[in-house]
Amino acid sequence: MIILKTMLTVSVVVLAMLFPIQKATSQTATLHVSVTNIKNHEGIIRTLLWNDEEGFPKEKEYFFKKAFHAADADTVCFYFTDIPYGNYAISLFQDENANLEFDKNRLTRTSEPFGLSGKPNFKERPVKFEDCKFRIGKPQIEINIRLMSIDEVQQIINGEQ
């Protein structure tokens, strides 16, 4: 009986050394996003969270997560949950007429307000993931994104803002 107990104990120790219990290494966060400068309280704020540069900022089939919020105040807030630690970027727009499209005018200029995370370089076309990315590396992250019109972007490009 003692031999059996000893063999069982040795077996458990050997198995524990061969297959150590692994602590979960994937950490996740909650991302709180505030969208400001909503001038027209119509439509929906449509937001895409990206974890890769592929498709950023417009090709919808490549985004990581999405969120929608009624554009019913000057500032709206929403959350993304269970976001693995890493680099991300956000692109969003105010779909004023709720037609699910990022509308453009006759000159193919954006006609609906939009926003990007980070510090986008509007002089480069298209805007790059690298300029808009932010790091998630702790359990709670908060970012603010200001909606802009194409005229405001043009002022930035011209150095007027």
Protein backbone atom coordinates (compact mmCIF):
# COMPACT_ATOMS: atom_id res chain seq x y z
CA MET A 1 0.00 0.00 0.00
CA ILE A 2 2.86 2.38 0.84
CA ILE A 3 4.50 1.56 -2.48
CA LEU A 4 1.24 2.35 -4.31
CA LYS A 5 0.87 5.69 -2.51
CA THR A 6 4.50 6.56 -3.27
CA MET A 7 4.08 5.68 -6.94
CA LEU A 8 0.90 7.74 -7.13
CA THR A 9 2.60 10.73 -5.49
CA VAL A 10 5.61 10.47 -7.81
CA SER A 11 3.28 10.21 -10.82
CA VAL A 12 1.40 13.35 -9.79
CA VAL A 13 4.66 15.27 -9.29
CA VAL A 14 6.01 14.12 -12.66
CA LEU A 15 2.77 15.04 -14.43
CA ALA A 16 2.77 18.43 -12.74
CA MET A 17 6.32 19.05 -13.98
CA LEU A 18 5.48 17.89 -17.50
CA PHE A 19 2.17 19.77 -17.73
CA PRO A 20 2.32 22.78 -15.42
CA ILE A 21 -0.91 24.56 -14.72
CA GLN A 22 -0.82 27.63 -16.93
CA LYS A 23 -2.13 30.91 -15.71
CA ALA A 24 -4.28 32.67 -18.30
CA THR A 25 -2.00 35.05 -20.18
CA SER A 26 -4.56 36.78 -22.35
CA GLN A 27 -5.61 39.97 -20.62
CA THR A 28 -8.61 41.99 -21.71
CA ALA A 29 -9.79 45.52 -21.17
CA THR A 30 -12.83 47.73 -21.35
CA LEU A 31 -12.50 50.69 -23.71
CA HIS A 32 -14.63 53.76 -22.94
CA VAL A 33 -15.06 56.04 -25.97
CA SER A 34 -16.41 59.59 -25.75
CA VAL A 35 -17.41 61.25 -29.01
CA THR A 36 -17.57 65.05 -28.80
CA ASN A 37 -18.52 67.97 -31.04
CA ILE A 38 -21.81 66.47 -32.20
CA LYS A 39 -23.49 69.54 -33.66
CA ASN A 40 -26.48 67.91 -35.31
CA HIS A 41 -28.43 65.52 -33.08
CA GLU A 42 -29.70 63.39 -35.95
CA GLY A 43 -28.80 59.90 -37.04
CA ILE A 44 -26.34 57.45 -35.54
CA ILE A 45 -22.67 57.48 -34.58
CA ARG A 46 -21.22 54.42 -36.34
CA THR A 47 -17.89 53.29 -34.88
CA LEU A 48 -15.36 50.71 -36.02
CA LEU A 49 -12.56 49.43 -33.78
CA TRP A 50 -9.54 48.15 -35.72
CA ASN A 51 -6.74 45.88 -34.48
CA ASP A 52 -4.79 45.87 -37.74
CA GLU A 53 -3.93 48.30 -40.51
CA GLU A 54 -5.58 46.15 -43.19
CA GLY A 55 -8.64 47.96 -44.48
CA PHE A 56 -8.28 50.91 -42.11
CA PRO A 57 -10.17 53.25 -41.97
CA LYS A 58 -13.02 52.40 -44.35
CA GLU A 59 -13.10 48.80 -45.57
CA LYS A 60 -15.72 47.45 -43.22
CA GLU A 61 -14.96 43.76 -43.76
CA TYR A 62 -11.65 44.08 -41.86
CA PHE A 63 -12.69 45.78 -38.60
CA PHE A 64 -12.38 44.06 -35.22
CA LYS A 65 -15.53 45.30 -33.43
CA LYS A 66 -18.26 47.84 -34.09
CA ALA A 67 -20.63 49.95 -32.03
CA PHE A 68 -23.54 52.29 -32.70
CA HIS A 69 -25.02 55.09 -30.64
CA ALA A 70 -27.79 57.58 -31.32
CA ALA A 71 -26.40 61.05 -32.01
CA ASP A 72 -28.75 62.49 -29.41
CA ALA A 73 -26.44 64.82 -27.45
CA ASP A 74 -23.36 67.03 -27.91
CA THR A 75 -21.27 64.16 -26.50
CA VAL A 76 -22.08 60.45 -26.55
CA CYS A 77 -20.24 57.62 -24.79
CA PHE A 78 -20.08 53.90 -25.30
CA TYR A 79 -17.97 50.89 -24.33
CA PHE A 80 -16.12 48.08 -26.03
CA THR A 81 -15.60 45.16 -23.63
CA ASP A 82 -13.31 42.11 -23.61
CA ILE A 83 -10.67 43.81 -25.78
CA PRO A 84 -7.35 41.91 -25.72
CA TYR A 85 -4.32 44.04 -24.90
CA GLY A 86 -2.67 45.41 -28.03
CA ASN A 87 -2.71 48.26 -30.56
CA TYR A 88 -5.99 49.60 -31.93
CA ALA A 89 -7.44 52.50 -33.92
CA ILE A 90 -10.96 53.85 -34.25
CA SER A 91 -12.76 55.33 -37.23
CA LEU A 92 -16.25 56.69 -36.84
CA PHE A 93 -18.80 58.86 -38.56
CA GLN A 94 -22.15 60.40 -37.89
CA ASP A 95 -24.64 58.76 -40.23
CA GLU A 96 -26.96 61.77 -40.16
CA ASN A 97 -29.61 60.25 -42.42
CA ALA A 98 -29.21 56.69 -41.03
CA ASN A 99 -28.76 55.20 -44.51
CA LEU A 100 -25.80 53.01 -43.39
CA GLU A 101 -23.47 54.87 -45.80
CA PHE A 102 -20.68 57.40 -45.33
CA ASP A 103 -22.21 59.96 -47.69
CA LYS A 104 -20.21 62.10 -50.10
CA ASN A 105 -21.28 65.14 -52.08
CA ARG A 106 -20.97 65.72 -55.84
CA LEU A 107 -17.27 66.51 -55.48
CA THR A 108 -16.73 63.13 -53.75
CA ARG A 109 -16.02 65.01 -50.53
CA THR A 110 -17.27 63.65 -47.27
CA SER A 111 -20.57 65.27 -46.37
CA GLU A 112 -21.05 63.69 -42.92
CA PRO A 113 -18.97 64.43 -39.81
CA PHE A 114 -16.31 61.86 -38.92
CA GLY A 115 -13.58 61.23 -36.39
CA LEU A 116 -10.42 59.20 -35.88
CA SER A 117 -8.43 58.17 -32.82
CA GLY A 118 -4.86 59.25 -32.30
CA LYS A 119 -3.27 62.04 -34.30
CA PRO A 120 -4.20 61.46 -37.92
CA ASN A 121 -2.08 63.14 -40.58
CA PHE A 122 -4.72 64.51 -42.92
CA LYS A 123 -2.08 65.64 -45.43
CA GLU A 124 -1.48 62.00 -46.29
CA ARG A 125 -4.13 60.07 -48.17
CA PRO A 126 -5.42 57.72 -46.99
CA VAL A 127 -5.02 58.29 -43.27
CA LYS A 128 -2.79 55.59 -41.77
CA PHE A 129 -3.47 53.15 -38.93
CA GLU A 130 -0.05 54.00 -37.49
CA ASP A 131 -1.07 57.65 -36.96
CA CYS A 132 -4.41 56.74 -35.36
CA LYS A 133 -3.38 53.84 -33.17
CA PHE A 134 -3.46 53.74 -29.40
CA ARG A 135 -2.29 51.08 -26.95
CA ILE A 136 -4.52 49.05 -24.68
CA GLY A 137 -2.38 47.65 -21.89
CA LYS A 138 -4.45 48.04 -18.75
CA PRO A 139 -7.96 46.95 -17.70
CA GLN A 140 -9.68 50.34 -18.27
CA ILE A 141 -8.92 52.75 -21.11
CA GLU A 142 -10.72 55.98 -21.97
CA ILE A 143 -10.31 57.94 -25.20
CA ASN A 144 -12.00 61.01 -26.65
CA ILE A 145 -12.68 61.52 -30.34
CA ARG A 146 -13.86 64.83 -31.78
CA LEU A 147 -16.22 64.76 -34.75
CA MET A 148 -15.07 66.99 -37.63
CA SER A 149 -16.52 68.19 -40.88
CA ILE A 150 -14.50 68.08 -44.10
CA ASP A 151 -14.21 71.87 -43.88
CA GLU A 152 -12.54 71.57 -40.45
CA VAL A 153 -10.10 69.02 -41.88
CA GLN A 154 -9.32 71.37 -44.77
CA GLN A 155 -8.52 74.11 -42.25
CA ILE A 156 -6.13 71.72 -40.46
CA ILE A 157 -4.42 70.88 -43.77
CA ASN A 158 -4.10 74.58 -44.59
CA GLY A 159 -2.64 75.32 -41.15
CA GLU A 160 -5.59 77.44 -40.09
CA GLN A 161 -6.27 75.43 -36.91
